[in-house]
Every structure is written in C-alpha cells, then in structure tokens.
Amino acid sequence: MKEEIFITRKEKLKAFLEMLLETPDSSEITTILEILNQYTFDNRLKLKGTLTRYIIDSSEVDYSIGEKVIEFDTNIR
C-alpha cells in the first residue's frame, strides 16, 4: 500500500467520523477517532486489527458505521 493511499483513506474515514460527533451519544465515535489517530503509515501493519477488535468486542455503534471502520482496517496492506 502506498503512503498516499493510506493517508487518503484515513482522512476520508476521519472526516466521516467527525461529522458523526454532532450526534447524540458520540462517545463511541470519539473512542474510534482516538484509536484511528494512533494509526500512521509506519505503524499501520502493527496496529492493523485494533479498530476491528474494538468495533466487534466493545463498540455499540450502528452497523453501517462499524462496517466503514472495519473496511478501512481490513484493507490496510
């Protein structure tokens, strides 16, 4: 995966999640953003799966939101 692709995908997901911060009960979104902000191009392979595990094990976000986050996480190469 090229760095530009990773950064673009991360920024798109971040923008999507930041729009959701305006909704009630956005604490889950805040946590997802905190985890996402830890991802860098250099550590992406080490952190891959962290977001997915959080969505599956702990999060109570809407299915469509979780699907977008998991898609980002699983497409990391």
C-alpha atoms as a PDB file:
ATOM      1  CA  MET A   1       0.000   0.000   0.000  1.00  0.00           C
ATOM      2  CA  LYS A   2       1.327   3.393  -0.938  1.00  0.00           C
ATOM      3  CA  GLU A   3       1.511   6.057   1.737  1.00  0.00           C
ATOM      4  CA  GLU A   4      -0.719   8.442  -0.226  1.00  0.00           C
ATOM      5  CA  ILE A   5      -3.480   5.845  -0.464  1.00  0.00           C
ATOM      6  CA  PHE A   6      -3.294   5.105   3.254  1.00  0.00           C
ATOM      7  CA  ILE A   7      -3.413   8.782   4.186  1.00  0.00           C
ATOM      8  CA  THR A   8      -6.324   9.478   1.820  1.00  0.00           C
ATOM      9  CA  ARG A   9      -8.373   6.575   3.182  1.00  0.00           C
ATOM     10  CA  LYS A  10      -7.613   7.541   6.769  1.00  0.00           C
ATOM     11  CA  GLU A  11      -8.585  11.173   6.186  1.00  0.00           C
ATOM     12  CA  LYS A  12     -11.856  10.178   4.485  1.00  0.00           C
ATOM     13  CA  LEU A  13     -12.784   7.921   7.398  1.00  0.00           C
ATOM     14  CA  LYS A  14     -11.766  10.593   9.886  1.00  0.00           C
ATOM     15  CA  ALA A  15     -13.935  13.212   8.130  1.00  0.00           C
ATOM     16  CA  PHE A  16     -16.892  10.804   8.105  1.00  0.00           C
ATOM     17  CA  LEU A  17     -16.499  10.088  11.820  1.00  0.00           C
ATOM     18  CA  GLU A  18     -16.050  13.758  12.717  1.00  0.00           C
ATOM     19  CA  MET A  19     -19.410  14.522  11.080  1.00  0.00           C
ATOM     20  CA  LEU A  20     -20.956  11.981  13.450  1.00  0.00           C
ATOM     21  CA  LEU A  21     -19.569  13.756  16.516  1.00  0.00           C
ATOM     22  CA  GLU A  22     -22.547  16.095  16.258  1.00  0.00           C
ATOM     23  CA  THR A  23     -24.954  13.241  17.003  1.00  0.00           C
ATOM     24  CA  PRO A  24     -26.124  12.210  20.466  1.00  0.00           C
ATOM     25  CA  ASP A  25     -24.077   9.514  22.195  1.00  0.00           C
ATOM     26  CA  SER A  26     -20.931  10.248  20.243  1.00  0.00           C
ATOM     27  CA  SER A  27     -18.603   8.828  22.908  1.00  0.00           C
ATOM     28  CA  GLU A  28     -18.160   5.672  20.823  1.00  0.00           C
ATOM     29  CA  ILE A  29     -17.162   7.800  17.829  1.00  0.00           C
ATOM     30  CA  THR A  30     -14.674   9.705  19.975  1.00  0.00           C
ATOM     31  CA  THR A  31     -13.050   6.447  21.033  1.00  0.00           C
ATOM     32  CA  ILE A  32     -12.860   5.239  17.428  1.00  0.00           C
ATOM     33  CA  LEU A  33     -11.232   8.531  16.412  1.00  0.00           C
ATOM     34  CA  GLU A  34      -8.711   8.218  19.240  1.00  0.00           C
ATOM     35  CA  ILE A  35      -7.730   4.765  18.011  1.00  0.00           C
ATOM     36  CA  LEU A  36      -7.676   5.912  14.374  1.00  0.00           C
ATOM     37  CA  ASN A  37      -5.370   8.806  15.249  1.00  0.00           C
ATOM     38  CA  GLN A  38      -2.811   6.292  16.526  1.00  0.00           C
ATOM     39  CA  TYR A  39      -2.536   4.779  13.041  1.00  0.00           C
ATOM     40  CA  THR A  40       0.347   6.107  10.955  1.00  0.00           C
ATOM     41  CA  PHE A  41       1.738   4.809   7.706  1.00  0.00           C
ATOM     42  CA  ASP A  42       4.772   3.432   9.530  1.00  0.00           C
ATOM     43  CA  ASN A  43       2.849   1.554  12.243  1.00  0.00           C
ATOM     44  CA  ARG A  44      -0.229   0.596  10.212  1.00  0.00           C
ATOM     45  CA  LEU A  45       0.668  -3.090   9.983  1.00  0.00           C
ATOM     46  CA  LYS A  46       1.384  -3.296  13.699  1.00  0.00           C
ATOM     47  CA  LEU A  47      -1.962  -1.678  14.598  1.00  0.00           C
ATOM     48  CA  LYS A  48      -3.995  -3.417  11.894  1.00  0.00           C
ATOM     49  CA  GLY A  49      -6.962  -5.115  13.525  1.00  0.00           C
ATOM     50  CA  THR A  50      -7.161  -2.801  16.535  1.00  0.00           C
ATOM     51  CA  LEU A  51     -10.157  -0.912  15.165  1.00  0.00           C
ATOM     52  CA  THR A  52     -11.859  -4.115  14.070  1.00  0.00           C
ATOM     53  CA  ARG A  53     -11.450  -5.699  17.507  1.00  0.00           C
ATOM     54  CA  TYR A  54     -12.829  -2.575  19.173  1.00  0.00           C
ATOM     55  CA  ILE A  55     -15.880  -2.497  16.877  1.00  0.00           C
ATOM     56  CA  ILE A  56     -16.619  -6.192  17.352  1.00  0.00           C
ATOM     57  CA  ASP A  57     -15.802  -6.558  21.056  1.00  0.00           C
ATOM     58  CA  SER A  58     -16.667  -3.248  22.695  1.00  0.00           C
ATOM     59  CA  SER A  59     -18.432  -0.783  20.457  1.00  0.00           C
ATOM     60  CA  GLU A  60     -22.148  -0.266  20.147  1.00  0.00           C
ATOM     61  CA  VAL A  61     -22.108   1.896  17.031  1.00  0.00           C
ATOM     62  CA  ASP A  62     -24.570   1.478  14.201  1.00  0.00           C
ATOM     63  CA  TYR A  63     -23.800  -1.374  11.811  1.00  0.00           C
ATOM     64  CA  SER A  64     -23.122   0.946   8.862  1.00  0.00           C
ATOM     65  CA  ILE A  65     -20.551   2.917  10.861  1.00  0.00           C
ATOM     66  CA  GLY A  66     -18.838  -0.217  12.088  1.00  0.00           C
ATOM     67  CA  GLU A  67     -18.763  -1.580   8.561  1.00  0.00           C
ATOM     68  CA  LYS A  68     -16.893   1.500   7.275  1.00  0.00           C
ATOM     69  CA  VAL A  69     -14.361   1.339  10.104  1.00  0.00           C
ATOM     70  CA  ILE A  70     -13.756  -2.390   9.655  1.00  0.00           C
ATOM     71  CA  GLU A  71     -13.417  -1.946   5.886  1.00  0.00           C
ATOM     72  CA  PHE A  72     -10.674   0.643   6.429  1.00  0.00           C
ATOM     73  CA  ASP A  73      -8.900  -1.618   8.909  1.00  0.00           C
ATOM     74  CA  THR A  74      -9.037  -4.771   6.806  1.00  0.00           C
ATOM     75  CA  ASN A  75      -7.858  -3.002   3.638  1.00  0.00           C
ATOM     76  CA  ILE A  76      -4.569  -1.972   5.233  1.00  0.00           C
ATOM     77  CA  ARG A  77      -1.664  -3.594   3.424  1.00  0.00           C
END
